[in-house]
Amino acid sequence: MQKWRCTICNYVYDPAEGDLENGVAASTSFEDLPDGWVCPICGAGKDMFEQV
């Protein structure tokens, strides 16, 4: 699974780790994140992320 970087604040979403603080389990691919998921640092939407 590929990592994704927020183009606003440079937060990196790593599917291997998920986003446990926001209810996203480890092994959740970026494509499978809920539609309402936002960057946990700056609040940017998924459309502001790029694959790294």
PDB file of N, CA and C in Angstrom:
ATOM      1  N   MET A   1       0.839  -1.189   0.000  1.00  0.00           N
ATOM      2  CA  MET A   1       0.000   0.000   0.000  1.00  0.00           C
ATOM      3  C   MET A   1       0.878   1.245   0.000  1.00  0.00           C
ATOM      4  N   GLN A   2       0.464   2.217  -0.771  1.00  0.00           N
ATOM      5  CA  GLN A   2       1.225   3.446  -0.923  1.00  0.00           C
ATOM      6  C   GLN A   2       0.885   4.467   0.160  1.00  0.00           C
ATOM      7  N   LYS A   3       1.850   5.293   0.506  1.00  0.00           N
ATOM      8  CA  LYS A   3       1.638   6.388   1.442  1.00  0.00           C
ATOM      9  C   LYS A   3       1.131   7.602   0.670  1.00  0.00           C
ATOM     10  N   TRP A   4       0.406   8.460   1.362  1.00  0.00           N
ATOM     11  CA  TRP A   4      -0.157   9.672   0.767  1.00  0.00           C
ATOM     12  C   TRP A   4       0.221  10.869   1.627  1.00  0.00           C
ATOM     13  N   ARG A   5       0.609  11.989   0.969  1.00  0.00           N
ATOM     14  CA  ARG A   5       1.055  13.181   1.678  1.00  0.00           C
ATOM     15  C   ARG A   5       0.080  14.324   1.464  1.00  0.00           C
ATOM     16  N   CYS A   6      -0.246  15.012   2.566  1.00  0.00           N
ATOM     17  CA  CYS A   6      -1.085  16.208   2.487  1.00  0.00           C
ATOM     18  C   CYS A   6      -0.256  17.333   1.872  1.00  0.00           C
ATOM     19  N   THR A   7      -0.777  17.944   0.821  1.00  0.00           N
ATOM     20  CA  THR A   7      -0.032  19.005   0.141  1.00  0.00           C
ATOM     21  C   THR A   7      -0.099  20.323   0.912  1.00  0.00           C
ATOM     22  N   ILE A   8      -0.911  20.391   1.949  1.00  0.00           N
ATOM     23  CA  ILE A   8      -1.022  21.605   2.754  1.00  0.00           C
ATOM     24  C   ILE A   8       0.003  21.598   3.892  1.00  0.00           C
ATOM     25  N   CYS A   9       0.035  20.507   4.669  1.00  0.00           N
ATOM     26  CA  CYS A   9       0.876  20.488   5.876  1.00  0.00           C
ATOM     27  C   CYS A   9       1.952  19.407   5.882  1.00  0.00           C
ATOM     28  N   ASN A  10       1.994  18.579   4.839  1.00  0.00           N
ATOM     29  CA  ASN A  10       2.982  17.502   4.687  1.00  0.00           C
ATOM     30  C   ASN A  10       2.759  16.296   5.601  1.00  0.00           C
ATOM     31  N   TYR A  11       1.594  16.197   6.249  1.00  0.00           N
ATOM     32  CA  TYR A  11       1.251  14.978   6.997  1.00  0.00           C
ATOM     33  C   TYR A  11       1.254  13.810   6.020  1.00  0.00           C
ATOM     34  N   VAL A  12       1.791  12.675   6.439  1.00  0.00           N
ATOM     35  CA  VAL A  12       1.817  11.492   5.585  1.00  0.00           C
ATOM     36  C   VAL A  12       0.889  10.434   6.175  1.00  0.00           C
ATOM     37  N   TYR A  13      -0.105  10.041   5.371  1.00  0.00           N
ATOM     38  CA  TYR A  13      -0.986   8.938   5.769  1.00  0.00           C
ATOM     39  C   TYR A  13      -0.315   7.647   5.344  1.00  0.00           C
ATOM     40  N   ASP A  14      -0.039   6.799   6.328  1.00  0.00           N
ATOM     41  CA  ASP A  14       0.587   5.500   6.083  1.00  0.00           C
ATOM     42  C   ASP A  14      -0.459   4.426   6.341  1.00  0.00           C
ATOM     43  N   PRO A  15      -0.917   3.728   5.300  1.00  0.00           N
ATOM     44  CA  PRO A  15      -1.939   2.703   5.476  1.00  0.00           C
ATOM     45  C   PRO A  15      -1.558   1.627   6.493  1.00  0.00           C
ATOM     46  N   ALA A  16      -0.280   1.344   6.629  1.00  0.00           N
ATOM     47  CA  ALA A  16       0.154   0.329   7.587  1.00  0.00           C
ATOM     48  C   ALA A  16      -0.176   0.742   9.020  1.00  0.00           C
ATOM     49  N   GLU A  17      -0.217   2.049   9.272  1.00  0.00           N
ATOM     50  CA  GLU A  17      -0.514   2.563  10.608  1.00  0.00           C
ATOM     51  C   GLU A  17      -1.966   2.987  10.769  1.00  0.00           C
ATOM     52  N   GLY A  18      -2.624   3.378   9.675  1.00  0.00           N
ATOM     53  CA  GLY A  18      -3.980   3.891   9.753  1.00  0.00           C
ATOM     54  C   GLY A  18      -4.001   5.245  10.456  1.00  0.00           C
ATOM     55  N   ASP A  19      -5.150   5.585  11.019  1.00  0.00           N
ATOM     56  CA  ASP A  19      -5.320   6.834  11.774  1.00  0.00           C
ATOM     57  C   ASP A  19      -6.182   6.485  12.975  1.00  0.00           C
ATOM     58  N   LEU A  20      -5.584   5.795  13.923  1.00  0.00           N
ATOM     59  CA  LEU A  20      -6.317   5.241  15.065  1.00  0.00           C
ATOM     60  C   LEU A  20      -7.054   6.298  15.865  1.00  0.00           C
ATOM     61  N   GLU A  21      -6.482   7.493  15.994  1.00  0.00           N
ATOM     62  CA  GLU A  21      -7.136   8.557  16.760  1.00  0.00           C
ATOM     63  C   GLU A  21      -8.454   8.992  16.127  1.00  0.00           C
ATOM     64  N   ASN A  22      -8.615   8.735  14.838  1.00  0.00           N
ATOM     65  CA  ASN A  22      -9.836   9.124  14.125  1.00  0.00           C
ATOM     66  C   ASN A  22     -10.628   7.924  13.624  1.00  0.00           C
ATOM     67  N   GLY A  23     -10.385   6.763  14.233  1.00  0.00           N
ATOM     68  CA  GLY A  23     -11.193   5.589  13.952  1.00  0.00           C
ATOM     69  C   GLY A  23     -10.848   4.824  12.696  1.00  0.00           C
ATOM     70  N   VAL A  24      -9.650   5.046  12.145  1.00  0.00           N
ATOM     71  CA  VAL A  24      -9.250   4.334  10.933  1.00  0.00           C
ATOM     72  C   VAL A  24      -8.239   3.264  11.327  1.00  0.00           C
ATOM     73  N   ALA A  25      -8.618   2.020  11.130  1.00  0.00           N
ATOM     74  CA  ALA A  25      -7.767   0.896  11.521  1.00  0.00           C
ATOM     75  C   ALA A  25      -6.534   0.788  10.642  1.00  0.00           C
ATOM     76  N   ALA A  26      -5.485   0.189  11.208  1.00  0.00           N
ATOM     77  CA  ALA A  26      -4.294  -0.118  10.423  1.00  0.00           C
ATOM     78  C   ALA A  26      -4.687  -1.006   9.250  1.00  0.00           C
ATOM     79  N   SER A  27      -3.950  -0.938   8.173  1.00  0.00           N
ATOM     80  CA  SER A  27      -4.182  -1.681   6.934  1.00  0.00           C
ATOM     81  C   SER A  27      -5.348  -1.135   6.122  1.00  0.00           C
ATOM     82  N   THR A  28      -5.791   0.104   6.408  1.00  0.00           N
ATOM     83  CA  THR A  28      -6.846   0.735   5.615  1.00  0.00           C
ATOM     84  C   THR A  28      -6.187   1.543   4.507  1.00  0.00           C
ATOM     85  N   SER A  29      -6.442   1.159   3.269  1.00  0.00           N
ATOM     86  CA  SER A  29      -5.845   1.890   2.148  1.00  0.00           C
ATOM     87  C   SER A  29      -6.444   3.290   2.062  1.00  0.00           C
ATOM     88  N   PHE A  30      -5.707   4.187   1.424  1.00  0.00           N
ATOM     89  CA  PHE A  30      -6.189   5.568   1.284  1.00  0.00           C
ATOM     90  C   PHE A  30      -7.530   5.595   0.560  1.00  0.00           C
ATOM     91  N   GLU A  31      -7.665   4.764  -0.450  1.00  0.00           N
ATOM     92  CA  GLU A  31      -8.904   4.716  -1.231  1.00  0.00           C
ATOM     93  C   GLU A  31     -10.098   4.272  -0.397  1.00  0.00           C
ATOM     94  N   ASP A  32      -9.847   3.515   0.672  1.00  0.00           N
ATOM     95  CA  ASP A  32     -10.925   3.005   1.521  1.00  0.00           C
ATOM     96  C   ASP A  32     -11.236   3.901   2.715  1.00  0.00           C
ATOM     97  N   LEU A  33     -10.537   5.043   2.835  1.00  0.00           N
ATOM     98  CA  LEU A  33     -10.856   5.967   3.924  1.00  0.00           C
ATOM     99  C   LEU A  33     -12.274   6.491   3.731  1.00  0.00           C
ATOM    100  N   PRO A  34     -13.004   6.754   4.811  1.00  0.00           N
ATOM    101  CA  PRO A  34     -14.358   7.300   4.675  1.00  0.00           C
ATOM    102  C   PRO A  34     -14.347   8.624   3.904  1.00  0.00           C
ATOM    103  N   ASP A  35     -15.428   8.920   3.202  1.00  0.00           N
ATOM    104  CA  ASP A  35     -15.505  10.147   2.398  1.00  0.00           C
ATOM    105  C   ASP A  35     -15.277  11.400   3.234  1.00  0.00           C
ATOM    106  N   GLY A  36     -15.704  11.377   4.485  1.00  0.00           N
ATOM    107  CA  GLY A  36     -15.572  12.552   5.342  1.00  0.00           C
ATOM    108  C   GLY A  36     -14.247  12.657   6.075  1.00  0.00           C
ATOM    109  N   TRP A  37     -13.337  11.713   5.828  1.00  0.00           N
ATOM    110  CA  TRP A  37     -12.048  11.751   6.508  1.00  0.00           C
ATOM    111  C   TRP A  37     -11.264  12.972   6.053  1.00  0.00           C
ATOM    112  N   VAL A  38     -10.611  13.639   7.004  1.00  0.00           N
ATOM    113  CA  VAL A  38      -9.768  14.791   6.691  1.00  0.00           C
ATOM    114  C   VAL A  38      -8.408  14.619   7.352  1.00  0.00           C
ATOM    115  N   CYS A  39      -7.450  15.377   6.898  1.00  0.00           N
ATOM    116  CA  CYS A  39      -6.111  15.357   7.473  1.00  0.00           C
ATOM    117  C   CYS A  39      -6.209  15.646   8.966  1.00  0.00           C
ATOM    118  N   PRO A  40      -5.636  14.787   9.808  1.00  0.00           N
ATOM    119  CA  PRO A  40      -5.739  14.992  11.251  1.00  0.00           C
ATOM    120  C   PRO A  40      -4.925  16.183  11.754  1.00  0.00           C
ATOM    121  N   ILE A  41      -4.056  16.737  10.934  1.00  0.00           N
ATOM    122  CA  ILE A  41      -3.249  17.878  11.341  1.00  0.00           C
ATOM    123  C   ILE A  41      -3.906  19.204  10.943  1.00  0.00           C
ATOM    124  N   CYS A  42      -4.277  19.331   9.663  1.00  0.00           N
ATOM    125  CA  CYS A  42      -4.772  20.635   9.185  1.00  0.00           C
ATOM    126  C   CYS A  42      -6.224  20.627   8.728  1.00  0.00           C
ATOM    127  N   GLY A  43      -6.852  19.446   8.641  1.00  0.00           N
ATOM    128  CA  GLY A  43      -8.259  19.381   8.251  1.00  0.00           C
ATOM    129  C   GLY A  43      -8.506  19.392   6.750  1.00  0.00           C
ATOM    130  N   ALA A  44      -7.464  19.258   5.948  1.00  0.00           N
ATOM    131  CA  ALA A  44      -7.639  19.233   4.494  1.00  0.00           C
ATOM    132  C   ALA A  44      -8.349  17.941   4.071  1.00  0.00           C
ATOM    133  N   GLY A  45      -9.142  18.036   3.012  1.00  0.00           N
ATOM    134  CA  GLY A  45      -9.850  16.875   2.489  1.00  0.00           C
ATOM    135  C   GLY A  45      -8.934  15.941   1.726  1.00  0.00           C
ATOM    136  N   LYS A  46      -9.447  14.756   1.410  1.00  0.00           N
ATOM    137  CA  LYS A  46      -8.664  13.746   0.701  1.00  0.00           C
ATOM    138  C   LYS A  46      -8.168  14.248  -0.656  1.00  0.00           C
ATOM    139  N   ASP A  47      -8.876  15.200  -1.245  1.00  0.00           N
ATOM    140  CA  ASP A  47      -8.476  15.718  -2.550  1.00  0.00           C
ATOM    141  C   ASP A  47      -7.198  16.547  -2.481  1.00  0.00           C
ATOM    142  N   MET A  48      -6.737  16.864  -1.279  1.00  0.00           N
ATOM    143  CA  MET A  48      -5.511  17.640  -1.106  1.00  0.00           C
ATOM    144  C   MET A  48      -4.295  16.748  -0.846  1.00  0.00           C
ATOM    145  N   PHE A  49      -4.441  15.435  -1.032  1.00  0.00           N
ATOM    146  CA  PHE A  49      -3.346  14.497  -0.810  1.00  0.00           C
ATOM    147  C   PHE A  49      -2.780  14.032  -2.142  1.00  0.00           C
ATOM    148  N   GLU A  50      -1.486  13.717  -2.131  1.00  0.00           N
ATOM    149  CA  GLU A  50      -0.837  13.154  -3.305  1.00  0.00           C
ATOM    150  C   GLU A  50      -0.079  11.912  -2.899  1.00  0.00           C
ATOM    151  N   GLN A  51      -0.019  10.964  -3.809  1.00  0.00           N
ATOM    152  CA  GLN A  51       0.684   9.712  -3.539  1.00  0.00           C
ATOM    153  C   GLN A  51       2.183   9.950  -3.506  1.00  0.00           C
ATOM    154  N   VAL A  52       2.858   9.322  -2.530  1.00  0.00           N
ATOM    155  CA  VAL A  52       4.322   9.468  -2.435  1.00  0.00           C
ATOM    156  C   VAL A  52       4.994   8.111  -2.544  1.00  0.00           C
TER     157      VAL A  52
END
